[in-house]
Protein backbone atom coordinates (compact mmCIF):
# COMPACT_ATOMS: atom_id res chain seq x y z
CA MET A 1 -19.63 70.09 45.25
CA GLY A 2 -17.48 71.44 48.12
CA TYR A 3 -14.56 70.14 50.09
CA VAL A 4 -13.71 70.01 53.79
CA THR A 5 -10.00 70.17 54.67
CA PHE A 6 -8.79 68.08 57.62
CA CYS A 7 -5.44 68.07 59.37
CA CYS A 8 -3.86 65.43 61.64
CA ASP A 9 -0.46 64.15 62.79
CA ARG A 10 1.76 63.16 59.84
CA ALA A 11 2.70 59.90 61.57
CA LEU A 12 -0.95 58.82 61.32
CA SER A 13 -1.22 59.40 57.53
CA GLY A 14 -1.07 55.73 56.54
CA LYS A 15 -3.61 54.62 59.15
CA VAL A 16 -5.95 57.51 58.33
CA LEU A 17 -5.89 56.78 54.58
CA SER A 18 -6.49 53.07 55.17
CA GLY A 19 -9.29 53.74 57.65
CA LEU A 20 -11.08 56.27 55.45
CA THR A 21 -10.83 53.94 52.44
CA ALA A 22 -12.31 51.12 54.53
CA HIS A 23 -15.24 53.42 55.37
CA ASN A 24 -15.73 54.27 51.65
CA ILE A 25 -14.74 57.90 52.19
CA ALA A 26 -13.03 59.46 49.15
CA VAL A 27 -9.85 61.46 49.92
CA PHE A 28 -8.65 64.37 47.72
CA PHE A 29 -5.46 66.48 47.59
CA ALA A 30 -3.66 64.49 50.31
CA ARG A 31 -0.22 65.92 51.16
CA ASP A 32 2.33 66.29 53.94
CA ARG A 33 2.81 69.81 55.39
CA GLY A 34 5.66 69.80 57.84
CA ASP A 35 4.67 67.52 60.73
CA GLU A 36 1.04 67.54 59.59
CA PHE A 37 -0.93 65.42 57.16
CA VAL A 38 -3.56 67.45 55.25
CA PHE A 39 -6.33 66.07 53.06
CA CYS A 40 -9.82 66.90 51.79
CA THR A 41 -13.13 65.04 51.64
CA ASN A 42 -16.46 65.90 50.04
CA ARG A 43 -18.63 68.17 52.19
CA ASN A 44 -21.40 65.55 52.20
CA GLU A 45 -18.94 63.14 53.88
CA LYS A 46 -17.85 65.59 56.57
CA GLN A 47 -19.86 63.92 59.35
CA LYS A 48 -18.64 60.45 58.36
CA THR A 49 -15.02 61.68 58.51
CA VAL A 50 -15.55 63.30 61.91
CA ALA A 51 -17.19 60.11 63.18
CA PHE A 52 -14.17 58.10 61.98
CA PHE A 53 -11.72 60.31 63.92
CA GLU A 54 -13.92 60.12 67.03
CA GLN A 55 -14.09 56.33 66.73
CA VAL A 56 -10.29 55.82 66.49
CA CYS A 57 -9.55 58.62 68.99
CA TYR A 58 -7.10 60.45 66.70
CA ASN A 59 -6.51 64.17 67.18
CA TYR A 60 -7.66 66.15 64.15
CA GLN A 61 -8.62 69.63 63.07
CA ILE A 62 -10.93 71.05 60.41
CA ILE A 63 -8.95 73.87 58.82
CA GLY A 64 -11.34 75.00 56.10
CA GLU A 65 -14.19 74.41 53.72
CA ASN A 66 -14.13 75.28 50.05
CA GLY A 67 -15.57 74.42 46.63
CA PHE A 68 -17.64 75.93 43.86
CA PHE A 69 -21.06 74.94 45.16
CA TYR A 70 -20.10 75.65 48.77
CA ARG A 71 -19.23 79.25 47.86
CA ILE A 72 -22.47 79.53 45.90
CA GLY A 73 -24.33 78.29 48.97
CA LEU A 74 -22.70 80.97 51.13
CA PHE A 75 -23.62 83.55 48.55
CA LEU A 76 -27.23 82.42 48.49
CA GLY A 77 -27.37 82.76 52.25
CA ARG A 78 -26.19 86.33 52.07
CA LYS A 79 -27.71 87.69 48.87
CA GLY A 80 -30.93 85.82 48.44
CA LEU A 81 -32.22 82.75 46.70
CA ILE A 82 -33.42 84.40 43.48
CA ALA A 83 -30.11 86.14 42.77
CA GLY A 84 -28.23 82.90 43.48
CA ILE A 85 -30.40 80.88 41.12
CA LEU A 86 -29.87 83.44 38.37
CA ILE A 87 -26.09 83.35 38.81
CA ILE A 88 -25.99 79.56 38.83
CA SER A 89 -28.11 79.46 35.67
CA VAL A 90 -25.79 81.89 33.91
CA VAL A 91 -22.64 80.03 34.99
CA LEU A 92 -23.97 76.62 33.99
CA GLY A 93 -25.21 78.03 30.69
CA LEU A 94 -21.76 79.42 29.91
CA ILE A 95 -20.09 76.13 30.85
CA ALA A 96 -22.50 74.01 28.80
CA SER A 97 -21.79 76.13 25.71
CA ARG A 98 -18.04 75.36 25.80
CA LEU A 99 -16.16 72.51 24.11
CA ALA A 100 -14.90 70.02 26.71
CA SER A 101 -13.29 67.28 24.56
CA VAL A 102 -12.58 66.10 21.00
CA GLU A 103 -12.92 62.46 19.90
CA VAL A 104 -11.68 61.18 16.52
CA TYR A 105 -12.73 57.79 15.10
CA GLY A 106 -11.83 55.78 11.99
CA LEU A 107 -8.08 56.49 11.93
CA LYS A 108 -5.88 53.79 10.38
CA THR A 109 -2.94 55.42 8.60
CA VAL A 110 -3.62 59.07 9.48
CA GLY A 111 -2.27 60.29 12.81
CA TYR A 112 -4.59 61.57 15.57
CA SER A 113 -2.44 64.66 16.16
CA GLU A 114 -2.61 65.48 12.43
CA VAL A 115 -6.42 65.68 12.51
CA VAL A 116 -6.56 67.51 15.86
CA GLY A 117 -4.00 70.04 14.63
CA ILE A 118 -6.27 70.97 11.71
CA LEU A 119 -9.30 71.25 14.02
CA GLU A 120 -7.40 73.53 16.40
CA ARG A 121 -6.33 75.80 13.54
CA GLU A 122 -10.02 76.15 12.70
CA GLY A 123 -10.82 77.17 16.29
CA ALA A 124 -12.03 73.79 17.63
CA THR A 125 -9.99 73.90 20.85
CA VAL A 126 -11.03 72.86 24.35
CA GLY A 127 -13.02 75.72 25.87
CA ALA A 128 -14.18 77.10 22.50
CA ASN A 129 -17.76 78.37 22.12
CA LEU A 130 -19.78 75.49 20.64
CA ARG A 131 -22.20 77.87 18.90
CA LYS A 132 -19.38 79.40 16.89
CA LEU A 133 -18.06 76.08 15.53
CA ASP A 134 -18.98 75.54 11.87
CA LYS A 135 -19.26 71.76 11.43
CA ARG A 136 -19.29 71.95 7.63
CA ARG A 137 -16.14 74.07 7.62
CA LEU A 138 -14.40 71.63 9.97
CA GLU A 139 -15.38 68.69 7.72
CA TYR A 140 -14.03 70.50 4.64
CA ALA A 141 -10.80 71.52 6.41
CA VAL A 142 -9.93 67.97 7.48
CA THR A 143 -10.88 66.35 4.15
CA SER A 144 -9.11 68.89 1.97
CA SER A 145 -5.96 69.10 4.10
CA ILE A 146 -5.14 65.36 4.23
CA GLU A 147 -4.95 63.49 0.91
CA ARG A 148 -5.55 60.07 2.49
CA ILE A 149 -8.98 61.10 3.81
CA ALA A 150 -11.95 60.68 1.47
CA PHE A 151 -14.72 61.96 3.72
CA THR A 152 -15.18 63.51 7.18
CA SER A 153 -18.24 63.75 9.40
CA VAL A 154 -18.41 66.17 12.34
CA LYS A 155 -21.11 66.35 14.99
CA ILE A 156 -21.48 67.82 18.47
CA VAL A 157 -22.86 65.67 21.26
CA GLY A 158 -23.25 67.54 24.54
CA MET A 159 -19.92 69.24 25.11
CA THR A 160 -17.95 66.80 22.92
CA LEU A 161 -16.89 67.25 19.28
CA ILE A 162 -17.05 63.86 17.53
CA VAL A 163 -15.12 63.48 14.27
CA ASN A 164 -15.58 60.37 12.08
CA VAL A 165 -12.86 59.97 9.45
CA TYR A 166 -13.18 57.75 6.37
CA GLU A 167 -9.81 57.05 4.76
CA GLU A 168 -9.25 56.27 1.07
CA LEU A 169 -8.76 52.63 0.11
CA PRO A 170 -5.13 51.86 -0.85
CA PRO A 171 -4.58 51.10 -4.56
CA PRO A 172 -4.23 47.39 -5.37
CA ASP A 173 -0.72 46.01 -5.73
CA ILE A 174 -0.61 44.76 -9.35
CA PRO A 175 2.75 43.21 -10.29
CA ASP A 176 4.32 43.96 -13.66
CA MET A 177 4.24 40.55 -15.38
CA THR A 178 6.53 41.77 -18.18
CA ALA A 179 9.46 42.55 -15.90
CA GLU A 180 12.25 39.97 -15.62
CA THR A 181 12.00 39.57 -11.84
CA PRO A 182 13.35 36.54 -9.93
CA VAL A 183 11.78 34.85 -6.92
CA THR A 184 14.07 35.40 -3.92
CA ALA A 185 14.16 34.05 -0.38
CA LYS A 186 12.53 36.17 2.34
CA LYS A 187 14.13 34.15 5.15
CA ASP A 188 17.00 31.79 5.88
CA GLY A 189 16.14 28.09 5.72
CA ILE A 190 16.72 24.64 4.25
CA VAL A 191 14.63 24.09 1.10
CA THR A 192 11.97 21.35 1.33
CA ARG A 193 9.65 21.99 -1.67
CA ILE A 194 9.83 23.95 -4.94
CA ILE A 195 6.75 24.71 -7.08
CA VAL A 196 7.55 26.57 -10.32
CA PHE A 197 4.83 28.27 -12.39
CA GLN A 198 7.16 30.40 -14.51
CA GLY A 199 10.93 30.55 -14.66
CA THR A 200 13.71 28.10 -13.77
CA ALA A 201 14.39 26.78 -10.27
CA VAL A 202 17.94 27.39 -9.06
CA ALA A 203 17.37 26.40 -5.42
CA GLU A 204 17.83 22.73 -4.51
CA ILE A 205 15.95 20.48 -2.11
CA ASP A 206 17.70 19.98 1.26
CA LYS A 207 20.12 22.83 0.49
CA PRO A 208 20.36 25.92 2.71
CA VAL A 209 19.53 29.39 1.40
CA ARG A 210 19.94 32.85 2.86
CA ALA A 211 17.44 35.69 2.80
CA GLY A 212 17.83 37.47 -0.54
CA ASP A 213 19.17 34.42 -2.44
CA MET A 214 17.60 33.68 -5.83
CA LEU A 215 15.21 30.72 -5.70
CA ILE A 216 13.63 30.82 -9.18
CA ALA A 217 15.47 32.56 -12.04
CA PRO A 218 13.51 34.87 -14.43
CA VAL A 219 14.36 32.82 -17.49
CA GLN A 220 12.67 29.92 -19.26
CA ASN A 221 13.76 27.65 -22.10
CA ILE A 222 11.31 28.06 -24.98
CA GLY A 223 12.07 26.22 -28.22
CA GLY A 224 15.63 25.63 -27.09
CA LEU A 225 16.26 29.31 -26.43
CA PRO A 226 16.39 31.12 -23.04
CA VAL A 227 13.66 33.72 -22.80
CA GLY A 228 13.45 36.38 -20.09
CA ILE A 229 10.22 36.18 -18.08
CA ARG A 230 8.86 37.11 -14.68
CA ALA A 231 9.56 34.20 -12.32
CA VAL A 232 6.52 32.88 -10.41
CA GLY A 233 6.43 30.04 -7.89
CA ASP A 234 6.31 28.88 -4.29
CA VAL A 235 9.33 27.68 -2.33
CA TYR A 236 9.10 26.12 1.15
CA ALA A 237 11.87 25.54 3.64
CA ARG A 238 12.61 24.43 7.17
CA VAL A 239 12.88 27.68 9.15
CA TYR A 240 14.16 28.03 12.71
CA TYR A 241 12.90 30.36 15.43
CA THR A 242 14.63 30.92 18.73
CA GLY A 243 14.02 32.45 22.12
CA HIS A 244 16.54 33.00 24.88
CA ALA A 245 16.76 33.75 28.59
CA MET A 246 19.89 35.02 30.33
CA PHE A 247 20.99 33.92 33.80
CA PHE A 248 22.76 36.35 36.11
CA GLU A 249 24.32 35.07 39.30
CA THR A 250 23.39 38.22 41.19
CA GLN A 251 20.11 40.09 40.79
CA THR A 252 18.76 43.24 42.36
CA VAL A 253 15.10 43.01 43.34
CA SER A 254 12.84 45.75 44.65
CA SER A 255 10.22 45.47 47.37
CA ARG A 256 7.82 47.93 48.96
CA THR A 257 8.68 49.47 52.31
CA GLY A 258 5.03 50.03 53.21
CA ARG A 259 5.21 53.80 52.90
CA THR A 260 2.78 55.33 50.37
CA ALA A 261 2.11 58.91 49.34
CA VAL A 262 -1.00 60.03 47.44
CA VAL A 263 -0.78 63.13 45.22
CA SER A 264 -3.76 64.40 43.20
CA GLU A 265 -4.09 66.56 40.10
CA LEU A 266 -7.29 68.42 39.21
CA TYR A 267 -8.33 68.87 35.56
CA LEU A 268 -10.98 71.24 34.24
CA PHE A 269 -11.91 71.03 30.55
CA GLY A 270 -8.96 68.64 30.17
CA LYS A 271 -6.47 71.26 31.45
CA ARG A 272 -4.49 70.65 34.63
CA ILE A 273 -4.99 73.17 37.43
CA GLY A 274 -1.88 73.70 39.54
CA LYS A 275 1.45 71.89 39.53
CA SER A 276 2.06 68.42 38.16
CA ALA A 277 2.36 65.52 40.61
CA SER A 278 5.77 64.26 41.70
CA SER A 279 6.97 61.50 44.01
CA PRO A 280 8.51 62.30 47.40
CA TYR A 281 10.58 59.09 47.16
CA LYS A 282 13.73 58.48 45.10
CA VAL A 283 12.82 54.87 44.28
CA TYR A 284 9.12 54.11 43.93
CA ALA A 285 6.35 52.25 42.13
CA GLU A 286 3.52 54.33 40.72
CA GLU A 287 -0.21 53.67 40.34
CA VAL A 288 -2.45 56.13 38.51
CA ARG A 289 -6.21 56.33 38.88
CA ARG A 290 -8.52 58.78 37.11
CA GLU A 291 -11.92 59.70 38.52
CA TYR A 292 -14.60 61.87 36.93
CA LEU A 293 -16.63 64.01 39.28
CA THR A 294 -20.37 64.02 38.69
CA GLY A 295 -22.00 67.37 38.00
CA PRO A 296 -22.26 70.00 35.27
CA LEU A 297 -18.52 70.78 35.22
CA PRO A 298 -16.18 68.53 33.17
CA ILE A 299 -13.87 67.95 36.15
CA SER A 300 -11.59 64.95 36.60
CA VAL A 301 -9.14 64.05 39.34
CA VAL A 302 -6.00 62.02 38.67
CA ARG A 303 -4.55 60.41 41.78
CA TYR A 304 -0.96 59.21 41.86
CA TYR A 305 -0.15 56.54 44.44
CA TYR A 306 3.61 56.49 45.07
CA HIS A 307 4.85 53.34 46.86
CA GLU A 308 8.38 53.62 48.24
CA LEU A 309 10.72 50.79 47.17
CA THR A 310 13.91 49.39 48.64
CA ALA A 311 16.52 47.43 46.65
CA GLU A 312 18.07 44.11 47.70
CA THR A 313 20.82 42.05 45.99
CA LEU A 314 20.25 38.28 45.79
CA THR A 315 22.60 35.45 44.78
CA MET A 316 20.95 33.06 42.33
CA VAL A 317 21.66 29.36 41.61
CA PHE A 318 21.41 28.28 37.94
CA GLU A 319 19.96 24.84 38.70
CA GLU A 320 17.20 26.40 40.79
CA GLU A 321 16.40 29.02 38.16
CA PHE A 322 16.57 26.61 35.19
CA PRO A 323 12.80 25.77 35.03
CA ALA A 324 11.87 29.46 34.93
CA LEU A 325 14.58 30.23 32.35
CA PHE A 326 13.42 27.29 30.20
CA GLU A 327 9.80 28.48 30.18
CA LYS A 328 10.82 32.07 29.46
CA ALA A 329 12.96 31.07 26.46
CA LYS A 330 10.25 28.69 25.16
CA ARG A 331 7.55 31.40 25.38
CA ALA A 332 9.81 33.82 23.51
CA ALA A 333 10.40 31.27 20.72
CA TYR A 334 6.72 30.38 20.36
CA ALA A 335 5.70 34.07 20.42
CA SER A 336 7.75 34.68 17.24
CA LEU A 337 6.15 31.80 15.28
CA PRO A 338 3.74 32.69 12.45
CA ALA A 339 0.08 32.06 13.25
CA GLY A 340 -1.03 28.46 12.64
CA SER A 341 2.53 27.08 12.51
CA GLU A 342 3.13 23.38 13.23
CA VAL A 343 6.35 22.76 15.15
CA LEU A 344 8.30 19.88 13.58
CA ASN A 345 11.16 19.76 16.06
CA GLU A 346 12.37 21.69 19.12
CA TRP A 347 15.39 21.65 21.41
CA HIS A 348 17.45 23.85 23.72
CA ILE A 349 21.09 24.53 24.54
CA VAL A 350 22.92 26.43 27.30
CA LYS A 351 25.76 28.78 26.35
CA GLN A 352 28.27 30.52 28.62
CA ASP A 353 30.35 33.54 27.60
CA PRO A 354 33.90 34.30 28.84
CA ASN A 355 32.46 36.44 31.64
CA GLY A 356 30.49 33.49 33.02
CA VAL A 357 27.06 34.74 31.94
CA LYS A 358 24.86 31.78 30.94
CA THR A 359 22.17 31.94 28.24
CA LEU A 360 19.50 29.32 27.63
CA GLU A 361 18.48 29.20 23.95
CA TYR A 362 15.31 27.41 22.81
CA TYR A 363 14.82 26.47 19.12
CA CYS A 364 11.71 25.58 17.10
CA GLU A 365 11.73 24.13 13.57
CA ILE A 366 8.77 24.65 11.21
CA GLU A 367 8.12 24.41 7.47
CA GLU A 368 7.33 27.82 6.01
CA LYS A 369 6.87 29.44 2.63
CA ILE A 370 9.91 31.66 2.10
CA SER A 371 9.24 32.97 -1.44
């Protein structure tokens, strides 16, 4: 795949990009160069690009053609078809024998970087010769190096190393029933129900408790004597969840100016070629799109669309913003509720601090097990 480099007036960059996109012509490596706007298209779309410029009557210039297959084509024209085919075969054979990517599956508690680090120490890095990778050695290295992994499976598919990790099951949590352990509150609330299996209840119905307070004491009266025992039971309480939304009288909002710059990065075997992309604007919104080029080479292009922003300060009115603040605070309160909760009561209040900043607070009341 080759590229054709075009050049036109910088002032026409926005119209040219929009027009080419409308004609389904892919643009690569677009950039400003002084008063000029320079970009590339695929060689097979050269005529379509020329036809576009002729149609809109924009001045343009073709300043070069380049690309791997374009250079190979020139070579074939000069040196002969047979020699060219042999060179292409050798190049593609070398490329196909190299590792392009590593994928790891089955991770739960083990970190991805931990597994990849072990693979890299064993020589499984991007660009490594696939024929020299010992799958059994890689499996042993990962399994023996990380205690939480019980088994590892490694296979090579195309130019990708696929690693399946099987982690050990965590040991069951078996409580010591001989320990004199109380039942304590996990959350603040007002007690509604107490169910004691072992021990003595110290919490009271309709009384508030704080997280960490003792609910059931580890003691039980047996034959008139207090005996230490592990406390067991369920305690329920009314628990309150809240969400809030703050109101500011002045807000700064950003909007697009209409100016957009497109900067592309080229990756080969997952490694960036050239400098990293950066925005020409001080304030901007960014969109990132990754495209994979078809062909034998593992090439991808990452395009960064930088949209210039301008800031504007607005004066807000609380009464006008109240519905939006109310919904925001309510969503925040409901988002914190445990799954399957039934809301028993809900209300809201508006607070104002000494600086005049208003906060809308939304409350939900549910019954929840706190032991």
